[in-house]
Amino acid sequence: TNAHRDSVNLKIQRTGLDQLVDRIISSHDYREPKESQAFWDHLQR
């Protein structure tokens, strides 16, 4: 997701979404948006 971690955390608290998936990655973790090719490089590594 491109969502900021504060948004991610709010939505997790509200929905429990993190319990339904294996992992949640924010593009802010990599300092690159998903629109960037560098995001996918980071994600694949």
ModelCIF file with pLDDT and N, C-alpha, C, O atoms, coordinates in Angstrom:
data_MODEL
#
_entry.id   MODEL 
#
_entity.id                         1 
_entity.type                       polymer 
_entity.pdbx_number_of_molecules   1 
#
_entity_poly.entity_id                      1 
_entity_poly.type                           'polypeptide(L)' 
_entity_poly.nstd_linkage                   no 
_entity_poly.nstd_monomer                   no 
_entity_poly.pdbx_seq_one_letter_code       TNAHRDSVNLKIQRTGLDQLVDRIISSHDYREPKESQAFWDHLQR 
_entity_poly.pdbx_seq_one_letter_code_can   TNAHRDSVNLKIQRTGLDQLVDRIISSHDYREPKESQAFWDHLQR 
_entity_poly.pdbx_strand_id                 A 
#
loop_
_entity_poly_seq.entity_id 
_entity_poly_seq.num 
_entity_poly_seq.mon_id 
_entity_poly_seq.hetero 
1 1  THR n 
1 2  ASN n 
1 3  ALA n 
1 4  HIS n 
1 5  ARG n 
1 6  ASP n 
1 7  SER n 
1 8  VAL n 
1 9  ASN n 
1 10 LEU n 
1 11 LYS n 
1 12 ILE n 
1 13 GLN n 
1 14 ARG n 
1 15 THR n 
1 16 GLY n 
1 17 LEU n 
1 18 ASP n 
1 19 GLN n 
1 20 LEU n 
1 21 VAL n 
1 22 ASP n 
1 23 ARG n 
1 24 ILE n 
1 25 ILE n 
1 26 SER n 
1 27 SER n 
1 28 HIS n 
1 29 ASP n 
1 30 TYR n 
1 31 ARG n 
1 32 GLU n 
1 33 PRO n 
1 34 LYS n 
1 35 GLU n 
1 36 SER n 
1 37 GLN n 
1 38 ALA n 
1 39 PHE n 
1 40 TRP n 
1 41 ASP n 
1 42 HIS n 
1 43 LEU n 
1 44 GLN n 
1 45 ARG n 
#
_struct_asym.id          A 
_struct_asym.entity_id   1 
#
loop_
_ma_qa_metric.id 
_ma_qa_metric.mode 
_ma_qa_metric.name 
_ma_qa_metric.software_group_id 
_ma_qa_metric.type 
1 global pLDDT . pLDDT 
2 local  pLDDT . pLDDT 
#
_ma_qa_metric_global.metric_id      1 
_ma_qa_metric_global.metric_value   96.89 
_ma_qa_metric_global.model_id       1 
_ma_qa_metric_global.ordinal_id     1 
#
loop_
_ma_qa_metric_local.label_asym_id 
_ma_qa_metric_local.label_comp_id 
_ma_qa_metric_local.label_seq_id 
_ma_qa_metric_local.metric_id 
_ma_qa_metric_local.metric_value 
_ma_qa_metric_local.model_id 
_ma_qa_metric_local.ordinal_id 
A THR 1  2 98.00 1 1  
A ASN 2  2 96.00 1 2  
A ALA 3  2 96.00 1 3  
A HIS 4  2 95.00 1 4  
A ARG 5  2 96.00 1 5  
A ASP 6  2 95.00 1 6  
A SER 7  2 96.00 1 7  
A VAL 8  2 97.00 1 8  
A ASN 9  2 97.00 1 9  
A LEU 10 2 97.00 1 10 
A LYS 11 2 98.00 1 11 
A ILE 12 2 98.00 1 12 
A GLN 13 2 97.00 1 13 
A ARG 14 2 97.00 1 14 
A THR 15 2 98.00 1 15 
A GLY 16 2 97.00 1 16 
A LEU 17 2 97.00 1 17 
A ASP 18 2 97.00 1 18 
A GLN 19 2 97.00 1 19 
A LEU 20 2 98.00 1 20 
A VAL 21 2 98.00 1 21 
A ASP 22 2 98.00 1 22 
A ARG 23 2 98.00 1 23 
A ILE 24 2 98.00 1 24 
A ILE 25 2 98.00 1 25 
A SER 26 2 97.00 1 26 
A SER 27 2 96.00 1 27 
A HIS 28 2 95.00 1 28 
A ASP 29 2 95.00 1 29 
A TYR 30 2 96.00 1 30 
A ARG 31 2 95.00 1 31 
A GLU 32 2 96.00 1 32 
A PRO 33 2 96.00 1 33 
A LYS 34 2 97.00 1 34 
A GLU 35 2 96.00 1 35 
A SER 36 2 96.00 1 36 
A GLN 37 2 98.00 1 37 
A ALA 38 2 97.00 1 38 
A PHE 39 2 98.00 1 39 
A TRP 40 2 98.00 1 40 
A ASP 41 2 98.00 1 41 
A HIS 42 2 97.00 1 42 
A LEU 43 2 98.00 1 43 
A GLN 44 2 97.00 1 44 
A ARG 45 2 97.00 1 45 
#
loop_
_atom_site.group_PDB 
_atom_site.id 
_atom_site.type_symbol 
_atom_site.label_atom_id 
_atom_site.label_alt_id 
_atom_site.label_comp_id 
_atom_site.label_asym_id 
_atom_site.label_entity_id 
_atom_site.label_seq_id 
_atom_site.pdbx_PDB_ins_code 
_atom_site.Cartn_x 
_atom_site.Cartn_y 
_atom_site.Cartn_z 
_atom_site.occupancy 
_atom_site.B_iso_or_equiv 
_atom_site.pdbx_formal_charge 
_atom_site.auth_seq_id 
_atom_site.auth_comp_id 
_atom_site.auth_asym_id 
_atom_site.auth_atom_id 
_atom_site.pdbx_PDB_model_num 
ATOM 1   N N  . THR A 1 1  ? 0.825   -1.203  0.000   1.00 98.00 ? 1  THR A N  1 
ATOM 2   C CA . THR A 1 1  ? 0.000   0.000   0.000   1.00 98.00 ? 1  THR A CA 1 
ATOM 3   C C  . THR A 1 1  ? 0.859   1.253   0.000   1.00 98.00 ? 1  THR A C  1 
ATOM 4   O O  . THR A 1 1  ? 1.953   1.274   0.565   1.00 98.00 ? 1  THR A O  1 
ATOM 5   N N  . ASN A 1 2  ? 0.348   2.295   -0.642  1.00 96.00 ? 2  ASN A N  1 
ATOM 6   C CA . ASN A 1 2  ? 0.992   3.606   -0.564  1.00 96.00 ? 2  ASN A CA 1 
ATOM 7   C C  . ASN A 1 2  ? 0.594   4.361   0.698   1.00 96.00 ? 2  ASN A C  1 
ATOM 8   O O  . ASN A 1 2  ? 1.126   5.438   0.969   1.00 96.00 ? 2  ASN A O  1 
ATOM 9   N N  . ALA A 1 3  ? -0.322  3.815   1.461   1.00 96.00 ? 3  ALA A N  1 
ATOM 10  C CA . ALA A 1 3  ? -0.801  4.506   2.658   1.00 96.00 ? 3  ALA A CA 1 
ATOM 11  C C  . ALA A 1 3  ? 0.323   4.674   3.682   1.00 96.00 ? 3  ALA A C  1 
ATOM 12  O O  . ALA A 1 3  ? 1.157   3.787   3.866   1.00 96.00 ? 3  ALA A O  1 
ATOM 13  N N  . HIS A 1 4  ? 0.324   5.824   4.334   1.00 95.00 ? 4  HIS A N  1 
ATOM 14  C CA . HIS A 1 4  ? 1.249   6.121   5.430   1.00 95.00 ? 4  HIS A CA 1 
ATOM 15  C C  . HIS A 1 4  ? 0.984   5.149   6.585   1.00 95.00 ? 4  HIS A C  1 
ATOM 16  O O  . HIS A 1 4  ? -0.141  4.684   6.772   1.00 95.00 ? 4  HIS A O  1 
ATOM 17  N N  . ARG A 1 5  ? 2.024   4.854   7.345   1.00 96.00 ? 5  ARG A N  1 
ATOM 18  C CA . ARG A 1 5  ? 1.879   3.877   8.431   1.00 96.00 ? 5  ARG A CA 1 
ATOM 19  C C  . ARG A 1 5  ? 0.812   4.276   9.453   1.00 96.00 ? 5  ARG A C  1 
ATOM 20  O O  . ARG A 1 5  ? 0.159   3.403   10.027  1.00 96.00 ? 5  ARG A O  1 
ATOM 21  N N  . ASP A 1 6  ? 0.624   5.572   9.689   1.00 95.00 ? 6  ASP A N  1 
ATOM 22  C CA . ASP A 1 6  ? -0.427  5.999   10.618  1.00 95.00 ? 6  ASP A CA 1 
ATOM 23  C C  . ASP A 1 6  ? -1.805  5.597   10.090  1.00 95.00 ? 6  ASP A C  1 
ATOM 24  O O  . ASP A 1 6  ? -2.672  5.187   10.862  1.00 95.00 ? 6  ASP A O  1 
ATOM 25  N N  . SER A 1 7  ? -2.005  5.713   8.790   1.00 96.00 ? 7  SER A N  1 
ATOM 26  C CA . SER A 1 7  ? -3.269  5.290   8.184   1.00 96.00 ? 7  SER A CA 1 
ATOM 27  C C  . SER A 1 7  ? -3.421  3.779   8.248   1.00 96.00 ? 7  SER A C  1 
ATOM 28  O O  . SER A 1 7  ? -4.491  3.259   8.562   1.00 96.00 ? 7  SER A O  1 
ATOM 29  N N  . VAL A 1 8  ? -2.333  3.086   7.944   1.00 97.00 ? 8  VAL A N  1 
ATOM 30  C CA . VAL A 1 8  ? -2.362  1.624   8.009   1.00 97.00 ? 8  VAL A CA 1 
ATOM 31  C C  . VAL A 1 8  ? -2.744  1.162   9.409   1.00 97.00 ? 8  VAL A C  1 
ATOM 32  O O  . VAL A 1 8  ? -3.600  0.291   9.566   1.00 97.00 ? 8  VAL A O  1 
ATOM 33  N N  . ASN A 1 9  ? -2.121  1.736   10.411  1.00 97.00 ? 9  ASN A N  1 
ATOM 34  C CA . ASN A 1 9  ? -2.391  1.320   11.797  1.00 97.00 ? 9  ASN A CA 1 
ATOM 35  C C  . ASN A 1 9  ? -3.829  1.598   12.204  1.00 97.00 ? 9  ASN A C  1 
ATOM 36  O O  . ASN A 1 9  ? -4.448  0.781   12.887  1.00 97.00 ? 9  ASN A O  1 
ATOM 37  N N  . LEU A 1 10 ? -4.368  2.745   11.792  1.00 97.00 ? 10 LEU A N  1 
ATOM 38  C CA . LEU A 1 10 ? -5.761  3.061   12.103  1.00 97.00 ? 10 LEU A CA 1 
ATOM 39  C C  . LEU A 1 10 ? -6.692  2.024   11.476  1.00 97.00 ? 10 LEU A C  1 
ATOM 40  O O  . LEU A 1 10 ? -7.638  1.569   12.118  1.00 97.00 ? 10 LEU A O  1 
ATOM 41  N N  . LYS A 1 11 ? -6.430  1.657   10.246  1.00 98.00 ? 11 LYS A N  1 
ATOM 42  C CA . LYS A 1 11 ? -7.309  0.712   9.554   1.00 98.00 ? 11 LYS A CA 1 
ATOM 43  C C  . LYS A 1 11 ? -7.166  -0.699  10.100  1.00 98.00 ? 11 LYS A C  1 
ATOM 44  O O  . LYS A 1 11 ? -8.131  -1.463  10.108  1.00 98.00 ? 11 LYS A O  1 
ATOM 45  N N  . ILE A 1 12 ? -5.976  -1.046  10.552  1.00 98.00 ? 12 ILE A N  1 
ATOM 46  C CA . ILE A 1 12 ? -5.786  -2.334  11.220  1.00 98.00 ? 12 ILE A CA 1 
ATOM 47  C C  . ILE A 1 12 ? -6.599  -2.373  12.512  1.00 98.00 ? 12 ILE A C  1 
ATOM 48  O O  . ILE A 1 12 ? -7.287  -3.355  12.792  1.00 98.00 ? 12 ILE A O  1 
ATOM 49  N N  . GLN A 1 13 ? -6.512  -1.300  13.293  1.00 97.00 ? 13 GLN A N  1 
ATOM 50  C CA . GLN A 1 13 ? -7.268  -1.234  14.550  1.00 97.00 ? 13 GLN A CA 1 
ATOM 51  C C  . GLN A 1 13 ? -8.763  -1.352  14.302  1.00 97.00 ? 13 GLN A C  1 
ATOM 52  O O  . GLN A 1 13 ? -9.488  -1.962  15.088  1.00 97.00 ? 13 GLN A O  1 
ATOM 53  N N  . ARG A 1 14 ? -9.210  -0.770  13.218  1.00 97.00 ? 14 ARG A N  1 
ATOM 54  C CA . ARG A 1 14 ? -10.643 -0.743  12.921  1.00 97.00 ? 14 ARG A CA 1 
ATOM 55  C C  . ARG A 1 14 ? -11.153 -2.062  12.335  1.00 97.00 ? 14 ARG A C  1 
ATOM 56  O O  . ARG A 1 14 ? -12.296 -2.446  12.582  1.00 97.00 ? 14 ARG A O  1 
ATOM 57  N N  . THR A 1 15 ? -10.307 -2.763  11.556  1.00 98.00 ? 15 THR A N  1 
ATOM 58  C CA . THR A 1 15 ? -10.789 -3.922  10.793  1.00 98.00 ? 15 THR A CA 1 
ATOM 59  C C  . THR A 1 15 ? -10.153 -5.255  11.172  1.00 98.00 ? 15 THR A C  1 
ATOM 60  O O  . THR A 1 15 ? -10.726 -6.309  10.895  1.00 98.00 ? 15 THR A O  1 
ATOM 61  N N  . GLY A 1 16 ? -8.975  -5.229  11.800  1.00 97.00 ? 16 GLY A N  1 
ATOM 62  C CA . GLY A 1 16 ? -8.251  -6.475  12.039  1.00 97.00 ? 16 GLY A CA 1 
ATOM 63  C C  . GLY A 1 16 ? -7.678  -7.070  10.763  1.00 97.00 ? 16 GLY A C  1 
ATOM 64  O O  . GLY A 1 16 ? -7.441  -8.275  10.685  1.00 97.00 ? 16 GLY A O  1 
ATOM 65  N N  . LEU A 1 17 ? -7.456  -6.231  9.769   1.00 97.00 ? 17 LEU A N  1 
ATOM 66  C CA . LEU A 1 17 ? -6.994  -6.690  8.465   1.00 97.00 ? 17 LEU A CA 1 
ATOM 67  C C  . LEU A 1 17 ? -5.673  -7.447  8.547   1.00 97.00 ? 17 LEU A C  1 
ATOM 68  O O  . LEU A 1 17 ? -5.440  -8.376  7.774   1.00 97.00 ? 17 LEU A O  1 
ATOM 69  N N  . ASP A 1 18 ? -4.815  -7.057  9.473   1.00 97.00 ? 18 ASP A N  1 
ATOM 70  C CA . ASP A 1 18 ? -3.502  -7.704  9.580   1.00 97.00 ? 18 ASP A CA 1 
ATOM 71  C C  . ASP A 1 18 ? -3.605  -9.185  9.923   1.00 97.00 ? 18 ASP A C  1 
ATOM 72  O O  . ASP A 1 18 ? -2.673  -9.945  9.660   1.00 97.00 ? 18 ASP A O  1 
ATOM 73  N N  . GLN A 1 19 ? -4.728  -9.604  10.507  1.00 97.00 ? 19 GLN A N  1 
ATOM 74  C CA . GLN A 1 19 ? -4.922  -11.005 10.866  1.00 97.00 ? 19 GLN A CA 1 
ATOM 75  C C  . GLN A 1 19 ? -5.322  -11.864 9.663   1.00 97.00 ? 19 GLN A C  1 
ATOM 76  O O  . GLN A 1 19 ? -5.372  -13.090 9.761   1.00 97.00 ? 19 GLN A O  1 
ATOM 77  N N  . LEU A 1 20 ? -5.604  -11.225 8.544   1.00 98.00 ? 20 LEU A N  1 
ATOM 78  C CA . LEU A 1 20 ? -6.088  -11.945 7.363   1.00 98.00 ? 20 LEU A CA 1 
ATOM 79  C C  . LEU A 1 20 ? -5.053  -12.062 6.261   1.00 98.00 ? 20 LEU A C  1 
ATOM 80  O O  . LEU A 1 20 ? -5.323  -12.646 5.212   1.00 98.00 ? 20 LEU A O  1 
ATOM 81  N N  . VAL A 1 21 ? -3.863  -11.507 6.493   1.00 98.00 ? 21 VAL A N  1 
ATOM 82  C CA . VAL A 1 21 ? -2.800  -11.553 5.486   1.00 98.00 ? 21 VAL A CA 1 
ATOM 83  C C  . VAL A 1 21 ? -1.489  -11.950 6.155   1.00 98.00 ? 21 VAL A C  1 
ATOM 84  O O  . VAL A 1 21 ? -1.389  -11.994 7.381   1.00 98.00 ? 21 VAL A O  1 
ATOM 85  N N  . ASP A 1 22 ? -0.486  -12.238 5.329   1.00 98.00 ? 22 ASP A N  1 
ATOM 86  C CA . ASP A 1 22 ? 0.808   -12.657 5.856   1.00 98.00 ? 22 ASP A CA 1 
ATOM 87  C C  . ASP A 1 22 ? 1.695   -11.475 6.222   1.00 98.00 ? 22 ASP A C  1 
ATOM 88  O O  . ASP A 1 22 ? 2.538   -11.567 7.114   1.00 98.00 ? 22 ASP A O  1 
ATOM 89  N N  . ARG A 1 23 ? 1.490   -10.354 5.512   1.00 98.00 ? 23 ARG A N  1 
ATOM 90  C CA . ARG A 1 23 ? 2.360   -9.196  5.769   1.00 98.00 ? 23 ARG A CA 1 
ATOM 91  C C  . ARG A 1 23 ? 1.721   -7.938  5.180   1.00 98.00 ? 23 ARG A C  1 
ATOM 92  O O  . ARG A 1 23 ? 0.983   -8.007  4.197   1.00 98.00 ? 23 ARG A O  1 
ATOM 93  N N  . ILE A 1 24 ? 2.011   -6.796  5.789   1.00 98.00 ? 24 ILE A N  1 
ATOM 94  C CA . ILE A 1 24 ? 1.578   -5.509  5.250   1.00 98.00 ? 24 ILE A CA 1 
ATOM 95  C C  . ILE A 1 24 ? 2.817   -4.637  5.047   1.00 98.00 ? 24 ILE A C  1 
ATOM 96  O O  . ILE A 1 24 ? 3.568   -4.381  5.989   1.00 98.00 ? 24 ILE A O  1 
ATOM 97  N N  . ILE A 1 25 ? 3.021   -4.188  3.817   1.00 98.00 ? 25 ILE A N  1 
ATOM 98  C CA . ILE A 1 25 ? 4.156   -3.344  3.474   1.00 98.00 ? 25 ILE A CA 1 
ATOM 99  C C  . ILE A 1 25 ? 3.637   -1.993  2.997   1.00 98.00 ? 25 ILE A C  1 
ATOM 100 O O  . ILE A 1 25 ? 2.782   -1.927  2.114   1.00 98.00 ? 25 ILE A O  1 
ATOM 101 N N  . SER A 1 26 ? 4.153   -0.924  3.580   1.00 97.00 ? 26 SER A N  1 
ATOM 102 C CA . SER A 1 26 ? 3.850   0.435   3.125   1.00 97.00 ? 26 SER A CA 1 
ATOM 103 C C  . SER A 1 26 ? 4.991   0.923   2.246   1.00 97.00 ? 26 SER A C  1 
ATOM 104 O O  . SER A 1 26 ? 6.160   0.655   2.523   1.00 97.00 ? 26 SER A O  1 
ATOM 105 N N  . SER A 1 27 ? 4.645   1.637   1.192   1.00 96.00 ? 27 SER A N  1 
ATOM 106 C CA . SER A 1 27 ? 5.685   2.178   0.319   1.00 96.00 ? 27 SER A CA 1 
ATOM 107 C C  . SER A 1 27 ? 6.608   3.131   1.087   1.00 96.00 ? 27 SER A C  1 
ATOM 108 O O  . SER A 1 27 ? 7.745   3.364   0.675   1.00 96.00 ? 27 SER A O  1 
ATOM 109 N N  . HIS A 1 28 ? 6.120   3.675   2.194   1.00 95.00 ? 28 HIS A N  1 
ATOM 110 C CA . HIS A 1 28 ? 6.958   4.558   3.015   1.00 95.00 ? 28 HIS A CA 1 
ATOM 111 C C  . HIS A 1 28 ? 8.106   3.774   3.661   1.00 95.00 ? 28 HIS A C  1 
ATOM 112 O O  . HIS A 1 28 ? 9.130   4.356   4.019   1.00 95.00 ? 28 HIS A O  1 
ATOM 113 N N  . ASP A 1 29 ? 7.936   2.451   3.810   1.00 95.00 ? 29 ASP A N  1 
ATOM 114 C CA . ASP A 1 29 ? 9.017   1.622   4.333   1.00 95.00 ? 29 ASP A CA 1 
ATOM 115 C C  . ASP A 1 29 ? 10.227  1.668   3.405   1.00 95.00 ? 29 ASP A C  1 
ATOM 116 O O  . ASP A 1 29 ? 11.370  1.587   3.855   1.00 95.00 ? 29 ASP A O  1 
ATOM 117 N N  . TYR A 1 30 ? 9.961   1.800   2.097   1.00 96.00 ? 30 TYR A N  1 
ATOM 118 C CA . TYR A 1 30 ? 11.031  1.798   1.094   1.00 96.00 ? 30 TYR A CA 1 
ATOM 119 C C  . TYR A 1 30 ? 11.369  3.202   0.588   1.00 96.00 ? 30 TYR A C  1 
ATOM 120 O O  . TYR A 1 30 ? 12.296  3.381   -0.203  1.00 96.00 ? 30 TYR A O  1 
ATOM 121 N N  . ARG A 1 31 ? 10.609  4.190   1.053   1.00 95.00 ? 31 ARG A N  1 
ATOM 122 C CA . ARG A 1 31 ? 10.772  5.576   0.591   1.00 95.00 ? 31 ARG A CA 1 
ATOM 123 C C  . ARG A 1 31 ? 10.569  5.722   -0.915  1.00 95.00 ? 31 ARG A C  1 
ATOM 124 O O  . ARG A 1 31 ? 11.166  6.586   -1.557  1.00 95.00 ? 31 ARG A O  1 
ATOM 125 N N  . GLU A 1 32 ? 9.731   4.876   -1.455  1.00 96.00 ? 32 GLU A N  1 
ATOM 126 C CA . GLU A 1 32 ? 9.391   4.931   -2.879  1.00 96.00 ? 32 GLU A CA 1 
ATOM 127 C C  . GLU A 1 32 ? 7.918   4.576   -3.044  1.00 96.00 ? 32 GLU A C  1 
ATOM 128 O O  . GLU A 1 32 ? 7.465   3.598   -2.450  1.00 96.00 ? 32 GLU A O  1 
ATOM 129 N N  . PRO A 1 33 ? 7.148   5.342   -3.835  1.00 96.00 ? 33 PRO A N  1 
ATOM 130 C CA . PRO A 1 33 ? 5.752   4.978   -4.083  1.00 96.00 ? 33 PRO A CA 1 
ATOM 131 C C  . PRO A 1 33 ? 5.651   3.804   -5.053  1.00 96.00 ? 33 PRO A C  1 
ATOM 132 O O  . PRO A 1 33 ? 6.605   3.499   -5.768  1.00 96.00 ? 33 PRO A O  1 
ATOM 133 N N  . LYS A 1 34 ? 4.521   3.163   -5.073  1.00 97.00 ? 34 LYS A N  1 
ATOM 134 C CA . LYS A 1 34 ? 4.331   2.008   -5.967  1.00 97.00 ? 34 LYS A CA 1 
ATOM 135 C C  . LYS A 1 34 ? 4.394   2.400   -7.436  1.00 97.00 ? 34 LYS A C  1 
ATOM 136 O O  . LYS A 1 34 ? 4.626   1.551   -8.297  1.00 97.00 ? 34 LYS A O  1 
ATOM 137 N N  . GLU A 1 35 ? 4.189   3.673   -7.726  1.00 96.00 ? 35 GLU A N  1 
ATOM 138 C CA . GLU A 1 35 ? 4.291   4.142   -9.098  1.00 96.00 ? 35 GLU A CA 1 
ATOM 139 C C  . GLU A 1 35 ? 5.735   4.116   -9.612  1.00 96.00 ? 35 GLU A C  1 
ATOM 140 O O  . GLU A 1 35 ? 5.975   4.223   -10.814 1.00 96.00 ? 35 GLU A O  1 
ATOM 141 N N  . SER A 1 36 ? 6.683   3.975   -8.699  1.00 96.00 ? 36 SER A N  1 
ATOM 142 C CA . SER A 1 36 ? 8.106   3.965   -9.039  1.00 96.00 ? 36 SER A CA 1 
ATOM 143 C C  . SER A 1 36 ? 8.607   2.537   -9.269  1.00 96.00 ? 36 SER A C  1 
ATOM 144 O O  . SER A 1 36 ? 8.219   1.612   -8.556  1.00 96.00 ? 36 SER A O  1 
ATOM 145 N N  . GLN A 1 37 ? 9.465   2.373   -10.265 1.00 98.00 ? 37 GLN A N  1 
ATOM 146 C CA . GLN A 1 37 ? 10.072  1.062   -10.503 1.00 98.00 ? 37 GLN A CA 1 
ATOM 147 C C  . GLN A 1 37 ? 10.933  0.636   -9.312  1.00 98.00 ? 37 GLN A C  1 
ATOM 148 O O  . GLN A 1 37 ? 11.077  -0.556  -9.040  1.00 98.00 ? 37 GLN A O  1 
ATOM 149 N N  . ALA A 1 38 ? 11.501  1.611   -8.608  1.00 97.00 ? 38 ALA A N  1 
ATOM 150 C CA . ALA A 1 38 ? 12.352  1.284   -7.464  1.00 97.00 ? 38 ALA A CA 1 
ATOM 151 C C  . ALA A 1 38 ? 11.569  0.583   -6.356  1.00 97.00 ? 38 ALA A C  1 
ATOM 152 O O  . ALA A 1 38 ? 12.134  -0.218  -5.612  1.00 97.00 ? 38 ALA A O  1 
ATOM 153 N N  . PHE A 1 39 ? 10.263  0.881   -6.239  1.00 98.00 ? 39 PHE A N  1 
ATOM 154 C CA . PHE A 1 39 ? 9.453   0.204   -5.213  1.00 98.00 ? 39 PHE A CA 1 
ATOM 155 C C  . PHE A 1 39 ? 9.481   -1.301  -5.434  1.00 98.00 ? 39 PHE A C  1 
ATOM 156 O O  . PHE A 1 39 ? 9.691   -2.068  -4.495  1.00 98.00 ? 39 PHE A O  1 
ATOM 157 N N  . TRP A 1 40 ? 9.268   -1.723  -6.677  1.00 98.00 ? 40 TRP A N  1 
ATOM 158 C CA . TRP A 1 40 ? 9.199   -3.156  -6.978  1.00 98.00 ? 40 TRP A CA 1 
ATOM 159 C C  . TRP A 1 40 ? 10.561  -3.812  -6.803  1.00 98.00 ? 40 TRP A C  1 
ATOM 160 O O  . TRP A 1 40 ? 10.637  -4.977  -6.413  1.00 98.00 ? 40 TRP A O  1 
ATOM 161 N N  . ASP A 1 41 ? 11.640  -3.080  -7.087  1.00 98.00 ? 41 ASP A N  1 
ATOM 162 C CA . ASP A 1 41 ? 12.981  -3.603  -6.823  1.00 98.00 ? 41 ASP A CA 1 
ATOM 163 C C  . ASP A 1 41 ? 13.150  -3.885  -5.331  1.00 98.00 ? 41 ASP A C  1 
ATOM 164 O O  . ASP A 1 41 ? 13.615  -4.956  -4.941  1.00 98.00 ? 41 ASP A O  1 
ATOM 165 N N  . HIS A 1 42 ? 12.766  -2.913  -4.504  1.00 97.00 ? 42 HIS A N  1 
ATOM 166 C CA . HIS A 1 42 ? 12.846  -3.090  -3.051  1.00 97.00 ? 42 HIS A CA 1 
ATOM 167 C C  . HIS A 1 42 ? 11.995  -4.281  -2.603  1.00 97.00 ? 42 HIS A C  1 
ATOM 168 O O  . HIS A 1 42 ? 12.436  -5.118  -1.814  1.00 97.00 ? 42 HIS A O  1 
ATOM 169 N N  . LEU A 1 43 ? 10.781  -4.335  -3.118  1.00 98.00 ? 43 LEU A N  1 
ATOM 170 C CA . LEU A 1 43 ? 9.848   -5.388  -2.696  1.00 98.00 ? 43 LEU A CA 1 
ATOM 171 C C  . LEU A 1 43 ? 10.370  -6.768  -3.064  1.00 98.00 ? 43 LEU A C  1 
ATOM 172 O O  . LEU A 1 43 ? 10.273  -7.702  -2.269  1.00 98.00 ? 43 LEU A O  1 
ATOM 173 N N  . GLN A 1 44 ? 10.924  -6.903  -4.269  1.00 97.00 ? 44 GLN A N  1 
ATOM 174 C CA . GLN A 1 44 ? 11.417  -8.204  -4.698  1.00 97.00 ? 44 GLN A CA 1 
ATOM 175 C C  . GLN A 1 44 ? 12.604  -8.652  -3.841  1.00 97.00 ? 44 GLN A C  1 
ATOM 176 O O  . GLN A 1 44 ? 12.714  -9.828  -3.492  1.00 97.00 ? 44 GLN A O  1 
ATOM 177 N N  . ARG A 1 45 ? 13.487  -7.715  -3.508  1.00 97.00 ? 45 ARG A N  1 
ATOM 178 C CA . ARG A 1 45 ? 14.619  -8.064  -2.634  1.00 97.00 ? 45 ARG A CA 1 
ATOM 179 C C  . ARG A 1 45 ? 14.129  -8.453  -1.240  1.00 97.00 ? 45 ARG A C  1 
ATOM 180 O O  . ARG A 1 45 ? 14.936  -8.777  -0.369  1.00 97.00 ? 45 ARG A O  1 
#
